[in-house]
Amino acid sequence: MTDSATSQQQLLHIVIGGELKDVTDIEFEDLSQIDFVGAFPNYKTAYDAWKSAAQRTVDSAETRYFILHAHKLLDPETGAHHSV
């Protein structure tokens, strides 16, 4: 099975969100309450998940969702990754 989706390079993106202390900053009210939406193989699927989560919480002005470009943190060229 080789279609364009499976032959593309995986670029890990993580979508998280939660209530912010102040909407003008990016500090969560309670880190234990972070909503981990998921990990996604590309920006398109992460964006779709982000949009869905953001739309579910549209009535909560303090709640924000973010797409983290995790593939940039795991770049083998720069050695910017940690394993345990």
Protein backbone atom coordinates (compact mmCIF):
# COMPACT_ATOMS: atom_id res chain seq x y z
CA MET A 1 0.00 0.00 0.00
CA THR A 2 1.76 3.12 -1.20
CA ASP A 3 -0.32 6.22 -1.54
CA SER A 4 0.69 9.82 -1.00
CA ALA A 5 -0.29 9.71 2.69
CA THR A 6 1.92 6.74 3.51
CA SER A 7 4.85 7.79 1.37
CA GLN A 8 5.17 11.26 2.91
CA GLN A 9 7.72 11.87 5.65
CA GLN A 10 6.20 11.76 9.12
CA LEU A 11 6.39 15.15 10.85
CA LEU A 12 5.13 14.70 14.40
CA HIS A 13 2.70 17.36 15.66
CA ILE A 14 1.04 17.39 19.08
CA VAL A 15 -2.21 19.19 19.88
CA ILE A 16 -2.87 20.31 23.46
CA GLY A 17 -5.08 22.86 25.12
CA GLY A 18 -6.61 24.10 28.29
CA GLU A 19 -7.69 27.08 30.30
CA LEU A 20 -5.21 29.94 30.41
CA LYS A 21 -4.57 32.14 33.46
CA ASP A 22 -4.69 35.20 31.20
CA VAL A 23 -5.70 35.25 27.54
CA THR A 24 -2.85 37.66 26.75
CA ASP A 25 -0.25 35.05 27.77
CA ILE A 26 0.44 31.34 27.31
CA GLU A 27 0.36 30.11 30.90
CA PHE A 28 -2.13 27.38 31.77
CA GLU A 29 -4.37 27.72 34.81
CA ASP A 30 -3.76 24.09 35.90
CA LEU A 31 -1.21 21.88 34.14
CA SER A 32 -2.89 18.76 35.52
CA GLN A 33 -5.97 19.67 33.48
CA ILE A 34 -4.23 19.97 30.08
CA ASP A 35 -6.29 18.39 27.32
CA PHE A 36 -3.96 16.20 25.26
CA VAL A 37 -5.86 15.96 21.99
CA GLY A 38 -3.30 13.73 20.33
CA ALA A 39 -0.16 13.20 18.29
CA PHE A 40 -0.43 13.48 14.52
CA PRO A 41 1.84 12.53 11.60
CA ASN A 42 1.53 15.84 9.74
CA TYR A 43 0.35 19.42 10.08
CA LYS A 44 -2.90 18.87 8.15
CA THR A 45 -4.27 16.23 10.52
CA ALA A 46 -3.03 18.21 13.55
CA TYR A 47 -4.75 21.32 12.22
CA ASP A 48 -8.02 19.42 11.75
CA ALA A 49 -7.83 18.13 15.34
CA TRP A 50 -6.92 21.61 16.64
CA LYS A 51 -9.85 23.18 14.81
CA SER A 52 -12.28 20.58 16.14
CA ALA A 53 -11.08 21.04 19.74
CA ALA A 54 -11.15 24.84 19.45
CA GLN A 55 -14.69 24.77 18.07
CA ARG A 56 -15.85 22.55 20.96
CA THR A 57 -14.65 25.19 23.44
CA VAL A 58 -15.68 28.33 21.54
CA ASP A 59 -17.83 29.52 24.46
CA SER A 60 -14.87 29.47 26.87
CA ALA A 61 -12.82 32.61 26.18
CA GLU A 62 -9.98 31.43 28.44
CA THR A 63 -9.53 28.06 26.72
CA ARG A 64 -6.96 27.82 23.94
CA TYR A 65 -5.53 24.97 21.88
CA PHE A 66 -2.07 24.82 20.36
CA ILE A 67 -0.24 22.81 17.73
CA LEU A 68 3.27 21.87 18.84
CA HIS A 69 5.71 21.10 16.03
CA ALA A 70 7.31 18.19 17.88
CA HIS A 71 9.26 17.06 14.83
CA LYS A 72 11.43 20.15 15.26
CA LEU A 73 12.34 18.97 18.76
CA LEU A 74 13.22 15.48 17.51
CA ASP A 75 15.48 16.54 14.65
CA PRO A 76 18.30 13.97 14.35
CA GLU A 77 20.41 16.52 12.44
CA THR A 78 20.68 18.77 15.49
CA GLY A 79 20.60 16.03 18.12
CA ALA A 80 17.75 17.89 19.74
CA HIS A 81 16.04 14.89 21.24
CA HIS A 82 16.12 13.13 24.58
CA SER A 83 15.43 9.51 25.24
CA VAL A 84 15.02 7.81 28.58
